[in-house]
Every structure is written in C-alpha cells, then in structure tokens.
C-alpha cells in the first residue's frame, strides 16, 4: 500500500506544480478542490473545502494550521480517511535523487 501524504507534502507538490505550470495554476485558482483531487487521483471528503489565495507583491498570507485539541478523538469519517489508502505500486528504479518518490503532474485538469 502506498504511504499517505501529509498535508505539508500535498501543499509542497501543489505549490511546486503551480509555480512551474501556468495552466495548472489557473486550474487551481478556478477550481481548487477538483484540481487537487485530480492531482492526488483521489476524492476528498464532501465536507472538505479547498481554498487557494494568491499572494501579490504587496500582500502576503500566513497559513495557520488546524490545531486539534488535546484529547480530542477522530470522528468515524476522519478515521476512515486515515485508514483508507490507494493500493498503487510503482517503481522508481531509474530516479536520480528524490529518494524513490513520485511526483505526477496531471494535464487533464485543464
């Protein structure tokens, strides 16, 4: 089973692709949830929204991550998301650097 990506890893992949590919950036701004779902080849839960804001030379944004209260339990839906996974085996035997990781760019989001 493929290892699940953290939010930070997903964010890093999305930002890297948006920086390198103008059409991906446009798709991300137009329909962020669909674009991220396509990128991850997975469906996000219905109650999850994805917002994208673009900085300007005169305006920056600071993202504050969600902090789970100490002792809070995961809901059944959250547990299902954690327990689920995509059975996707692949080989990166010819990769140089990157520690055998895979970063795909889906052109079908345009």
PDB file of N, CA and C in Angstrom:
ATOM      1  N   UNK A   1       0.850  -1.175   0.000  1.00  0.00           N
ATOM      2  CA  UNK A   1       0.000   0.000   0.000  1.00  0.00           C
ATOM      3  C   UNK A   1       0.894   1.236   0.000  1.00  0.00           C
ATOM      4  N   UNK A   2       0.518   2.218  -0.808  1.00  0.00           N
ATOM      5  CA  UNK A   2       1.286   3.455  -0.880  1.00  0.00           C
ATOM      6  C   UNK A   2       1.147   4.235   0.421  1.00  0.00           C
ATOM      7  N   UNK A   3       2.205   4.901   0.799  1.00  0.00           N
ATOM      8  CA  UNK A   3       2.188   5.694   2.032  1.00  0.00           C
ATOM      9  C   UNK A   3       1.380   6.969   1.816  1.00  0.00           C
ATOM     10  N   UNK A   4       0.545   7.328   2.781  1.00  0.00           N
ATOM     11  CA  UNK A   4      -0.278   8.529   2.679  1.00  0.00           C
ATOM     12  C   UNK A   4       0.596   9.770   2.788  1.00  0.00           C
ATOM     13  N   UNK A   5       0.241  10.783   2.018  1.00  0.00           N
ATOM     14  CA  UNK A   5       0.962  12.052   2.065  1.00  0.00           C
ATOM     15  C   UNK A   5       0.404  12.925   3.177  1.00  0.00           C
ATOM     16  N   UNK A   6       1.268  13.680   3.805  1.00  0.00           N
ATOM     17  CA  UNK A   6       0.820  14.641   4.817  1.00  0.00           C
ATOM     18  C   UNK A   6       0.290  15.884   4.112  1.00  0.00           C
ATOM     19  N   UNK A   7      -0.427  16.728   4.860  1.00  0.00           N
ATOM     20  CA  UNK A   7      -0.910  17.989   4.285  1.00  0.00           C
ATOM     21  C   UNK A   7       0.261  18.821   3.769  1.00  0.00           C
ATOM     22  N   UNK A   8       1.350  18.855   4.518  1.00  0.00           N
ATOM     23  CA  UNK A   8       2.519  19.644   4.108  1.00  0.00           C
ATOM     24  C   UNK A   8       3.105  19.107   2.800  1.00  0.00           C
ATOM     25  N   UNK A   9       3.142  17.795   2.647  1.00  0.00           N
ATOM     26  CA  UNK A   9       3.672  17.202   1.414  1.00  0.00           C
ATOM     27  C   UNK A   9       2.758  17.509   0.226  1.00  0.00           C
ATOM     28  N   UNK A  10       1.450  17.437   0.453  1.00  0.00           N
ATOM     29  CA  UNK A  10       0.497  17.767  -0.616  1.00  0.00           C
ATOM     30  C   UNK A  10       0.659  19.231  -1.003  1.00  0.00           C
ATOM     31  N   UNK A  11       0.738  20.095  -0.005  1.00  0.00           N
ATOM     32  CA  UNK A  11       0.910  21.524  -0.264  1.00  0.00           C
ATOM     33  C   UNK A  11       2.185  21.785  -1.063  1.00  0.00           C
ATOM     34  N   UNK A  12       3.249  21.117  -0.700  1.00  0.00           N
ATOM     35  CA  UNK A  12       4.531  21.291  -1.398  1.00  0.00           C
ATOM     36  C   UNK A  12       4.407  20.891  -2.872  1.00  0.00           C
ATOM     37  N   UNK A  13       3.750  19.772  -3.146  1.00  0.00           N
ATOM     38  CA  UNK A  13       3.566  19.299  -4.515  1.00  0.00           C
ATOM     39  C   UNK A  13       2.721  20.282  -5.305  1.00  0.00           C
ATOM     40  N   UNK A  14       1.610  20.735  -4.713  1.00  0.00           N
ATOM     41  CA  UNK A  14       0.702  21.656  -5.395  1.00  0.00           C
ATOM     42  C   UNK A  14       1.407  22.978  -5.691  1.00  0.00           C
ATOM     43  N   UNK A  15       2.104  23.531  -4.720  1.00  0.00           N
ATOM     44  CA  UNK A  15       2.801  24.809  -4.919  1.00  0.00           C
ATOM     45  C   UNK A  15       3.878  24.671  -5.992  1.00  0.00           C
ATOM     46  N   UNK A  16       4.623  23.574  -5.958  1.00  0.00           N
ATOM     47  CA  UNK A  16       5.677  23.366  -6.956  1.00  0.00           C
ATOM     48  C   UNK A  16       5.081  23.314  -8.364  1.00  0.00           C
ATOM     49  N   UNK A  17       3.998  22.553  -8.527  1.00  0.00           N
ATOM     50  CA  UNK A  17       3.372  22.461  -9.842  1.00  0.00           C
ATOM     51  C   UNK A  17       2.766  23.794 -10.274  1.00  0.00           C
ATOM     52  N   UNK A  18       2.152  24.520  -9.354  1.00  0.00           N
ATOM     53  CA  UNK A  18       1.549  25.816  -9.686  1.00  0.00           C
ATOM     54  C   UNK A  18       2.618  26.835 -10.073  1.00  0.00           C
ATOM     55  N   UNK A  19       3.791  26.715  -9.482  1.00  0.00           N
ATOM     56  CA  UNK A  19       4.886  27.622  -9.796  1.00  0.00           C
ATOM     57  C   UNK A  19       5.462  27.329 -11.183  1.00  0.00           C
ATOM     58  N   UNK A  20       5.533  26.053 -11.527  1.00  0.00           N
ATOM     59  CA  UNK A  20       6.156  25.648 -12.796  1.00  0.00           C
ATOM     60  C   UNK A  20       5.200  25.652 -13.984  1.00  0.00           C
ATOM     61  N   UNK A  21       3.902  25.469 -13.740  1.00  0.00           N
ATOM     62  CA  UNK A  21       2.953  25.274 -14.838  1.00  0.00           C
ATOM     63  C   UNK A  21       1.804  26.276 -14.730  1.00  0.00           C
ATOM     64  N   UNK A  22       1.794  27.263 -15.627  1.00  0.00           N
ATOM     65  CA  UNK A  22       0.785  28.325 -15.585  1.00  0.00           C
ATOM     66  C   UNK A  22      -0.643  27.781 -15.713  1.00  0.00           C
ATOM     67  N   UNK A  23      -0.856  26.810 -16.588  1.00  0.00           N
ATOM     68  CA  UNK A  23      -2.212  26.262 -16.765  1.00  0.00           C
ATOM     69  C   UNK A  23      -2.670  25.532 -15.501  1.00  0.00           C
ATOM     70  N   UNK A  24      -1.759  24.887 -14.826  1.00  0.00           N
ATOM     71  CA  UNK A  24      -2.106  24.221 -13.562  1.00  0.00           C
ATOM     72  C   UNK A  24      -2.505  25.286 -12.532  1.00  0.00           C
ATOM     73  N   UNK A  25      -1.749  26.364 -12.481  1.00  0.00           N
ATOM     74  CA  UNK A  25      -2.054  27.468 -11.551  1.00  0.00           C
ATOM     75  C   UNK A  25      -3.444  28.030 -11.839  1.00  0.00           C
ATOM     76  N   UNK A  26      -3.752  28.240 -13.116  1.00  0.00           N
ATOM     77  CA  UNK A  26      -5.064  28.754 -13.497  1.00  0.00           C
ATOM     78  C   UNK A  26      -6.176  27.786 -13.077  1.00  0.00           C
ATOM     79  N   UNK A  27      -5.965  26.494 -13.300  1.00  0.00           N
ATOM     80  CA  UNK A  27      -6.959  25.488 -12.904  1.00  0.00           C
ATOM     81  C   UNK A  27      -7.120  25.475 -11.393  1.00  0.00           C
ATOM     82  N   UNK A  28      -6.025  25.608 -10.688  1.00  0.00           N
ATOM     83  CA  UNK A  28      -6.054  25.604  -9.228  1.00  0.00           C
ATOM     84  C   UNK A  28      -6.839  26.801  -8.692  1.00  0.00           C
ATOM     85  N   UNK A  29      -6.668  27.949  -9.296  1.00  0.00           N
ATOM     86  CA  UNK A  29      -7.407  29.141  -8.876  1.00  0.00           C
ATOM     87  C   UNK A  29      -8.886  29.039  -9.247  1.00  0.00           C
ATOM     88  N   UNK A  30      -9.190  28.414 -10.392  1.00  0.00           N
ATOM     89  CA  UNK A  30     -10.569  28.304 -10.861  1.00  0.00           C
ATOM     90  C   UNK A  30     -11.370  27.265 -10.073  1.00  0.00           C
ATOM     91  N   UNK A  31     -10.773  26.106  -9.802  1.00  0.00           N
ATOM     92  CA  UNK A  31     -11.480  25.031  -9.103  1.00  0.00           C
ATOM     93  C   UNK A  31     -10.467  24.246  -8.268  1.00  0.00           C
ATOM     94  N   UNK A  32     -10.111  24.788  -7.101  1.00  0.00           N
ATOM     95  CA  UNK A  32      -9.036  24.189  -6.310  1.00  0.00           C
ATOM     96  C   UNK A  32      -9.301  22.750  -5.870  1.00  0.00           C
ATOM     97  N   UNK A  33     -10.501  22.450  -5.431  1.00  0.00           N
ATOM     98  CA  UNK A  33     -10.775  21.097  -4.934  1.00  0.00           C
ATOM     99  C   UNK A  33     -10.651  20.069  -6.052  1.00  0.00           C
ATOM    100  N   UNK A  34     -11.250  20.361  -7.199  1.00  0.00           N
ATOM    101  CA  UNK A  34     -11.180  19.432  -8.330  1.00  0.00           C
ATOM    102  C   UNK A  34      -9.729  19.243  -8.777  1.00  0.00           C
ATOM    103  N   UNK A  35      -8.977  20.339  -8.805  1.00  0.00           N
ATOM    104  CA  UNK A  35      -7.585  20.270  -9.248  1.00  0.00           C
ATOM    105  C   UNK A  35      -6.750  19.419  -8.292  1.00  0.00           C
ATOM    106  N   UNK A  36      -6.935  19.614  -6.997  1.00  0.00           N
ATOM    107  CA  UNK A  36      -6.189  18.819  -6.011  1.00  0.00           C
ATOM    108  C   UNK A  36      -6.614  17.354  -6.079  1.00  0.00           C
ATOM    109  N   UNK A  37      -7.898  17.103  -6.212  1.00  0.00           N
ATOM    110  CA  UNK A  37      -8.374  15.717  -6.326  1.00  0.00           C
ATOM    111  C   UNK A  37      -7.782  15.032  -7.557  1.00  0.00           C
ATOM    112  N   UNK A  38      -7.751  15.757  -8.665  1.00  0.00           N
ATOM    113  CA  UNK A  38      -7.167  15.200  -9.888  1.00  0.00           C
ATOM    114  C   UNK A  38      -5.677  14.945  -9.693  1.00  0.00           C
ATOM    115  N   UNK A  39      -5.004  15.878  -9.065  1.00  0.00           N
ATOM    116  CA  UNK A  39      -3.566  15.736  -8.812  1.00  0.00           C
ATOM    117  C   UNK A  39      -3.280  14.509  -7.952  1.00  0.00           C
ATOM    118  N   UNK A  40      -4.112  14.302  -6.916  1.00  0.00           N
ATOM    119  CA  UNK A  40      -3.908  13.185  -5.992  1.00  0.00           C
ATOM    120  C   UNK A  40      -4.529  11.888  -6.488  1.00  0.00           C
ATOM    121  N   UNK A  41      -5.306  11.974  -7.571  1.00  0.00           N
ATOM    122  CA  UNK A  41      -6.034  10.818  -8.082  1.00  0.00           C
ATOM    123  C   UNK A  41      -6.878  10.197  -6.973  1.00  0.00           C
ATOM    124  N   UNK A  42      -7.583  11.079  -6.258  1.00  0.00           N
ATOM    125  CA  UNK A  42      -8.386  10.649  -5.117  1.00  0.00           C
ATOM    126  C   UNK A  42      -9.477  11.690  -4.896  1.00  0.00           C
ATOM    127  N   UNK A  43     -10.533  11.293  -4.215  1.00  0.00           N
ATOM    128  CA  UNK A  43     -11.626  12.208  -3.921  1.00  0.00           C
ATOM    129  C   UNK A  43     -11.534  12.656  -2.475  1.00  0.00           C
ATOM    130  N   UNK A  44     -11.614  13.949  -2.260  1.00  0.00           N
ATOM    131  CA  UNK A  44     -11.621  14.481  -0.906  1.00  0.00           C
ATOM    132  C   UNK A  44     -13.034  14.354  -0.344  1.00  0.00           C
ATOM    133  N   UNK A  45     -13.163  14.222   0.965  1.00  0.00           N
ATOM    134  CA  UNK A  45     -14.495  14.126   1.564  1.00  0.00           C
ATOM    135  C   UNK A  45     -15.346  15.339   1.202  1.00  0.00           C
ATOM    136  N   UNK A  46     -16.666  15.119   1.103  1.00  0.00           N
ATOM    137  CA  UNK A  46     -17.591  16.182   0.728  1.00  0.00           C
ATOM    138  C   UNK A  46     -17.501  17.389   1.653  1.00  0.00           C
ATOM    139  N   UNK A  47     -17.232  17.142   2.939  1.00  0.00           N
ATOM    140  CA  UNK A  47     -17.203  18.250   3.906  1.00  0.00           C
ATOM    141  C   UNK A  47     -15.864  18.990   3.924  1.00  0.00           C
ATOM    142  N   UNK A  48     -14.938  18.619   3.064  1.00  0.00           N
ATOM    143  CA  UNK A  48     -13.642  19.297   2.985  1.00  0.00           C
ATOM    144  C   UNK A  48     -13.687  20.299   1.835  1.00  0.00           C
ATOM    145  N   UNK A  49     -13.302  21.520   2.130  1.00  0.00           N
ATOM    146  CA  UNK A  49     -13.192  22.543   1.095  1.00  0.00           C
ATOM    147  C   UNK A  49     -11.722  22.878   0.886  1.00  0.00           C
ATOM    148  N   UNK A  50     -11.411  23.356  -0.290  1.00  0.00           N
ATOM    149  CA  UNK A  50     -10.040  23.747  -0.613  1.00  0.00           C
ATOM    150  C   UNK A  50     -10.089  25.185  -1.103  1.00  0.00           C
ATOM    151  N   UNK A  51      -9.355  26.047  -0.451  1.00  0.00           N
ATOM    152  CA  UNK A  51      -9.275  27.448  -0.854  1.00  0.00           C
ATOM    153  C   UNK A  51      -7.853  27.763  -1.274  1.00  0.00           C
ATOM    154  N   UNK A  52      -7.731  28.517  -2.332  1.00  0.00           N
ATOM    155  CA  UNK A  52      -6.424  28.943  -2.817  1.00  0.00           C
ATOM    156  C   UNK A  52      -6.438  30.464  -2.877  1.00  0.00           C
ATOM    157  N   UNK A  53      -5.438  31.071  -2.301  1.00  0.00           N
ATOM    158  CA  UNK A  53      -5.261  32.518  -2.404  1.00  0.00           C
ATOM    159  C   UNK A  53      -3.880  32.766  -2.980  1.00  0.00           C
ATOM    160  N   UNK A  54      -3.810  33.741  -3.833  1.00  0.00           N
ATOM    161  CA  UNK A  54      -2.544  34.035  -4.487  1.00  0.00           C
ATOM    162  C   UNK A  54      -1.972  35.323  -3.918  1.00  0.00           C
ATOM    163  N   UNK A  55      -0.752  35.269  -3.472  1.00  0.00           N
ATOM    164  CA  UNK A  55      -0.093  36.457  -2.946  1.00  0.00           C
ATOM    165  C   UNK A  55       0.203  37.429  -4.075  1.00  0.00           C
ATOM    166  N   UNK A  56       0.364  38.677  -3.710  1.00  0.00           N
ATOM    167  CA  UNK A  56       0.761  39.721  -4.652  1.00  0.00           C
ATOM    168  C   UNK A  56       2.048  40.338  -4.116  1.00  0.00           C
ATOM    169  N   UNK A  57       2.671  41.200  -4.876  1.00  0.00           N
ATOM    170  CA  UNK A  57       3.889  41.831  -4.359  1.00  0.00           C
ATOM    171  C   UNK A  57       3.651  42.612  -3.066  1.00  0.00           C
ATOM    172  N   UNK A  58       2.404  43.073  -2.862  1.00  0.00           N
ATOM    173  CA  UNK A  58       2.106  43.899  -1.702  1.00  0.00           C
ATOM    174  C   UNK A  58       1.283  43.196  -0.629  1.00  0.00           C
ATOM    175  N   UNK A  59       0.999  41.930  -0.817  1.00  0.00           N
ATOM    176  CA  UNK A  59       0.156  41.223   0.142  1.00  0.00           C
ATOM    177  C   UNK A  59       0.644  39.786   0.310  1.00  0.00           C
ATOM    178  N   UNK A  60       0.864  39.412   1.576  1.00  0.00           N
ATOM    179  CA  UNK A  60       1.264  38.036   1.863  1.00  0.00           C
ATOM    180  C   UNK A  60       0.204  37.404   2.764  1.00  0.00           C
ATOM    181  N   UNK A  61       0.165  36.092   2.762  1.00  0.00           N
ATOM    182  CA  UNK A  61      -0.753  35.348   3.602  1.00  0.00           C
ATOM    183  C   UNK A  61       0.049  34.410   4.482  1.00  0.00           C
ATOM    184  N   UNK A  62      -0.369  34.277   5.701  1.00  0.00           N
ATOM    185  CA  UNK A  62       0.253  33.324   6.624  1.00  0.00           C
ATOM    186  C   UNK A  62      -0.797  32.277   6.955  1.00  0.00           C
ATOM    187  N   UNK A  63      -0.469  31.033   6.695  1.00  0.00           N
ATOM    188  CA  UNK A  63      -1.399  29.933   6.920  1.00  0.00           C
ATOM    189  C   UNK A  63      -1.204  29.391   8.324  1.00  0.00           C
ATOM    190  N   UNK A  64      -2.272  29.409   9.085  1.00  0.00           N
ATOM    191  CA  UNK A  64      -2.241  28.817  10.419  1.00  0.00           C
ATOM    192  C   UNK A  64      -2.878  27.437  10.333  1.00  0.00           C
ATOM    193  N   UNK A  65      -2.139  26.387  10.632  1.00  0.00           N
ATOM    194  CA  UNK A  65      -2.701  25.047  10.539  1.00  0.00           C
ATOM    195  C   UNK A  65      -3.731  24.787  11.632  1.00  0.00           C
ATOM    196  N   UNK A  66      -4.623  23.862  11.349  1.00  0.00           N
ATOM    197  CA  UNK A  66      -5.625  23.435  12.319  1.00  0.00           C
ATOM    198  C   UNK A  66      -4.915  22.757  13.490  1.00  0.00           C
ATOM    199  N   UNK A  67      -5.305  23.121  14.700  1.00  0.00           N
ATOM    200  CA  UNK A  67      -4.729  22.511  15.900  1.00  0.00           C
ATOM    201  C   UNK A  67      -5.825  21.686  16.565  1.00  0.00           C
ATOM    202  N   UNK A  68      -5.574  20.403  16.696  1.00  0.00           N
ATOM    203  CA  UNK A  68      -6.536  19.514  17.332  1.00  0.00           C
ATOM    204  C   UNK A  68      -6.395  19.657  18.836  1.00  0.00           C
ATOM    205  N   UNK A  69      -7.516  19.837  19.513  1.00  0.00           N
ATOM    206  CA  UNK A  69      -7.498  19.985  20.968  1.00  0.00           C
ATOM    207  C   UNK A  69      -6.974  18.693  21.600  1.00  0.00           C
ATOM    208  N   UNK A  70      -6.194  18.858  22.646  1.00  0.00           N
ATOM    209  CA  UNK A  70      -5.633  17.707  23.340  1.00  0.00           C
ATOM    210  C   UNK A  70      -6.765  16.809  23.828  1.00  0.00           C
ATOM    211  N   UNK A  71      -6.645  15.523  23.550  1.00  0.00           N
ATOM    212  CA  UNK A  71      -7.647  14.558  23.978  1.00  0.00           C
ATOM    213  C   UNK A  71      -8.805  14.410  23.013  1.00  0.00           C
ATOM    214  N   UNK A  72      -8.845  15.239  21.983  1.00  0.00           N
ATOM    215  CA  UNK A  72      -9.932  15.133  21.007  1.00  0.00           C
ATOM    216  C   UNK A  72      -9.776  13.845  20.217  1.00  0.00           C
ATOM    217  N   UNK A  73     -10.879  13.210  19.963  1.00  0.00           N
ATOM    218  CA  UNK A  73     -10.854  11.959  19.207  1.00  0.00           C
ATOM    219  C   UNK A  73     -11.228  12.232  17.759  1.00  0.00           C
ATOM    220  N   UNK A  74     -10.720  11.381  16.876  1.00  0.00           N
ATOM    221  CA  UNK A  74     -11.085  11.487  15.477  1.00  0.00           C
ATOM    222  C   UNK A  74     -12.497  10.962  15.272  1.00  0.00           C
ATOM    223  N   UNK A  75     -13.231  11.601  14.376  1.00  0.00           N
ATOM    224  CA  UNK A  75     -14.572  11.112  14.050  1.00  0.00           C
ATOM    225  C   UNK A  75     -14.432   9.842  13.221  1.00  0.00           C
ATOM    226  N   UNK A  76     -15.530   9.111  13.074  1.00  0.00           N
ATOM    227  CA  UNK A  76     -15.509   7.904  12.243  1.00  0.00           C
ATOM    228  C   UNK A  76     -15.088   8.249  10.819  1.00  0.00           C
ATOM    229  N   UNK A  77     -15.552   9.394  10.332  1.00  0.00           N
ATOM    230  CA  UNK A  77     -15.188   9.821   8.985  1.00  0.00           C
ATOM    231  C   UNK A  77     -13.686  10.101   8.884  1.00  0.00           C
ATOM    232  N   UNK A  78     -13.136  10.766   9.898  1.00  0.00           N
ATOM    233  CA  UNK A  78     -11.695  11.033   9.914  1.00  0.00           C
ATOM    234  C   UNK A  78     -10.903   9.735   9.974  1.00  0.00           C
ATOM    235  N   UNK A  79     -11.355   8.810  10.799  1.00  0.00           N
ATOM    236  CA  UNK A  79     -10.671   7.514  10.910  1.00  0.00           C
ATOM    237  C   UNK A  79     -10.698   6.770   9.580  1.00  0.00           C
ATOM    238  N   UNK A  80     -11.819   6.847   8.881  1.00  0.00           N
ATOM    239  CA  UNK A  80     -11.933   6.195   7.577  1.00  0.00           C
ATOM    240  C   UNK A  80     -10.918   6.765   6.599  1.00  0.00           C
ATOM    241  N   UNK A  81     -10.732   8.101   6.647  1.00  0.00           N
ATOM    242  CA  UNK A  81      -9.763   8.743   5.760  1.00  0.00           C
ATOM    243  C   UNK A  81      -8.337   8.301   6.089  1.00  0.00           C
ATOM    244  N   UNK A  82      -8.056   8.156   7.366  1.00  0.00           N
ATOM    245  CA  UNK A  82      -6.724   7.737   7.790  1.00  0.00           C
ATOM    246  C   UNK A  82      -6.488   6.265   7.445  1.00  0.00           C
ATOM    247  N   UNK A  83      -7.504   5.450   7.651  1.00  0.00           N
ATOM    248  CA  UNK A  83      -7.373   4.007   7.434  1.00  0.00           C
ATOM    249  C   UNK A  83      -7.368   3.663   5.956  1.00  0.00           C
ATOM    250  N   UNK A  84      -8.025   4.496   5.140  1.00  0.00           N
ATOM    251  CA  UNK A  84      -8.100   4.208   3.707  1.00  0.00           C
ATOM    252  C   UNK A  84      -6.752   4.401   3.057  1.00  0.00           C
ATOM    253  N   UNK A  85      -6.668   4.027   1.836  1.00  0.00           N
ATOM    254  CA  UNK A  85      -5.425   4.218   1.106  1.00  0.00           C
ATOM    255  C   UNK A  85      -5.584   3.729  -0.302  1.00  0.00           C
ATOM    256  N   UNK A  86      -4.704   4.108  -1.118  1.00  0.00           N
ATOM    257  CA  UNK A  86      -4.741   3.718  -2.511  1.00  0.00           C
ATOM    258  C   UNK A  86      -3.681   2.658  -2.716  1.00  0.00           C
ATOM    259  N   UNK A  87      -4.098   1.517  -3.217  1.00  0.00           N
ATOM    260  CA  UNK A  87      -3.141   0.442  -3.496  1.00  0.00           C
ATOM    261  C   UNK A  87      -2.504   0.740  -4.843  1.00  0.00           C
ATOM    262  N   UNK A  88      -1.363   1.379  -4.823  1.00  0.00           N
ATOM    263  CA  UNK A  88      -0.715   1.847  -6.039  1.00  0.00           C
ATOM    264  C   UNK A  88       0.766   1.513  -5.938  1.00  0.00           C
ATOM    265  N   UNK A  89       1.160   0.452  -6.565  1.00  0.00           N
ATOM    266  CA  UNK A  89       2.566   0.074  -6.509  1.00  0.00           C
ATOM    267  C   UNK A  89       3.262   0.564  -7.769  1.00  0.00           C
ATOM    268  N   UNK A  90       4.444   1.066  -7.617  1.00  0.00           N
ATOM    269  CA  UNK A  90       5.210   1.569  -8.737  1.00  0.00           C
ATOM    270  C   UNK A  90       6.681   1.484  -8.375  1.00  0.00           C
ATOM    271  N   UNK A  91       7.498   1.615  -9.381  1.00  0.00           N
ATOM    272  CA  UNK A  91       8.931   1.524  -9.172  1.00  0.00           C
ATOM    273  C   UNK A  91       9.598   2.771  -9.734  1.00  0.00           C
ATOM    274  N   UNK A  92      10.517   3.297  -8.988  1.00  0.00           N
ATOM    275  CA  UNK A  92      11.283   4.466  -9.432  1.00  0.00           C
ATOM    276  C   UNK A  92      12.758   4.077  -9.510  1.00  0.00           C
ATOM    277  N   UNK A  93      13.019   2.942 -10.110  1.00  0.00           N
ATOM    278  CA  UNK A  93      14.378   2.414 -10.124  1.00  0.00           C
ATOM    279  C   UNK A  93      15.366   3.292 -10.880  1.00  0.00           C
ATOM    280  N   UNK A  94      14.867   4.097 -11.822  1.00  0.00           N
ATOM    281  CA  UNK A  94      15.777   4.911 -12.612  1.00  0.00           C
ATOM    282  C   UNK A  94      15.838   6.357 -12.120  1.00  0.00           C
ATOM    283  N   UNK A  95      15.248   6.636 -10.967  1.00  0.00           N
ATOM    284  CA  UNK A  95      15.237   8.008 -10.469  1.00  0.00           C
ATOM    285  C   UNK A  95      16.611   8.394  -9.946  1.00  0.00           C
ATOM    286  N   UNK A  96      16.892   9.670 -10.081  1.00  0.00           N
ATOM    287  CA  UNK A  96      18.140  10.219  -9.565  1.00  0.00           C
ATOM    288  C   UNK A  96      17.756  11.216  -8.492  1.00  0.00           C
ATOM    289  N   UNK A  97      18.141  10.960  -7.269  1.00  0.00           N
ATOM    290  CA  UNK A  97      17.745  11.826  -6.165  1.00  0.00           C
ATOM    291  C   UNK A  97      16.284  11.595  -5.852  1.00  0.00           C
ATOM    292  N   UNK A  98      15.747  12.311  -4.930  1.00  0.00           N
ATOM    293  CA  UNK A  98      14.334  12.213  -4.620  1.00  0.00           C
ATOM    294  C   UNK A  98      13.962  10.997  -3.794  1.00  0.00           C
ATOM    295  N   UNK A  99      14.900  10.142  -3.510  1.00  0.00           N
ATOM    296  CA  UNK A  99      14.672   9.002  -2.640  1.00  0.00           C
ATOM    297  C   UNK A  99      13.498   8.138  -3.084  1.00  0.00           C
ATOM    298  N   UNK A 100      13.446   7.830  -4.391  1.00  0.00           N
ATOM    299  CA  UNK A 100      12.418   6.963  -4.965  1.00  0.00           C
ATOM    300  C   UNK A 100      11.004   7.466  -4.689  1.00  0.00           C
ATOM    301  N   UNK A 101      10.801   8.748  -4.819  1.00  0.00           N
ATOM    302  CA  UNK A 101       9.463   9.308  -4.687  1.00  0.00           C
ATOM    303  C   UNK A 101       8.916   9.612  -6.072  1.00  0.00           C
ATOM    304  N   UNK A 102       7.602   9.784  -6.140  1.00  0.00           N
ATOM    305  CA  UNK A 102       6.981  10.062  -7.435  1.00  0.00           C
ATOM    306  C   UNK A 102       6.134  11.318  -7.295  1.00  0.00           C
ATOM    307  N   UNK A 103       6.313  12.236  -8.222  1.00  0.00           N
ATOM    308  CA  UNK A 103       5.517  13.456  -8.275  1.00  0.00           C
ATOM    309  C   UNK A 103       4.939  13.541  -9.677  1.00  0.00           C
ATOM    310  N   UNK A 104       3.628  13.362  -9.778  1.00  0.00           N
ATOM    311  CA  UNK A 104       2.986  13.377 -11.095  1.00  0.00           C
ATOM    312  C   UNK A 104       2.306  14.706 -11.332  1.00  0.00           C
ATOM    313  N   UNK A 105       2.308  15.116 -12.564  1.00  0.00           N
ATOM    314  CA  UNK A 105       1.580  16.299 -12.962  1.00  0.00           C
ATOM    315  C   UNK A 105       0.498  15.860 -13.933  1.00  0.00           C
ATOM    316  N   UNK A 106      -0.743  16.128 -13.606  1.00  0.00           N
ATOM    317  CA  UNK A 106      -1.864  15.703 -14.431  1.00  0.00           C
ATOM    318  C   UNK A 106      -2.318  16.851 -15.311  1.00  0.00           C
ATOM    319  N   UNK A 107      -2.092  16.716 -16.604  1.00  0.00           N
ATOM    320  CA  UNK A 107      -2.512  17.748 -17.544  1.00  0.00           C
ATOM    321  C   UNK A 107      -4.011  17.732 -17.775  1.00  0.00           C
ATOM    322  N   UNK A 108      -4.692  16.709 -17.299  1.00  0.00           N
ATOM    323  CA  UNK A 108      -6.135  16.602 -17.536  1.00  0.00           C
ATOM    324  C   UNK A 108      -6.943  17.575 -16.689  1.00  0.00           C
ATOM    325  N   UNK A 109      -6.311  18.344 -15.815  1.00  0.00           N
ATOM    326  CA  UNK A 109      -7.046  19.299 -15.001  1.00  0.00           C
ATOM    327  C   UNK A 109      -7.381  20.569 -15.766  1.00  0.00           C
ATOM    328  N   UNK A 110      -6.835  20.722 -16.947  1.00  0.00           N
ATOM    329  CA  UNK A 110      -7.053  21.962 -17.699  1.00  0.00           C
ATOM    330  C   UNK A 110      -8.333  21.917 -18.456  1.00  0.00           C
TER     331      UNK A 110
END
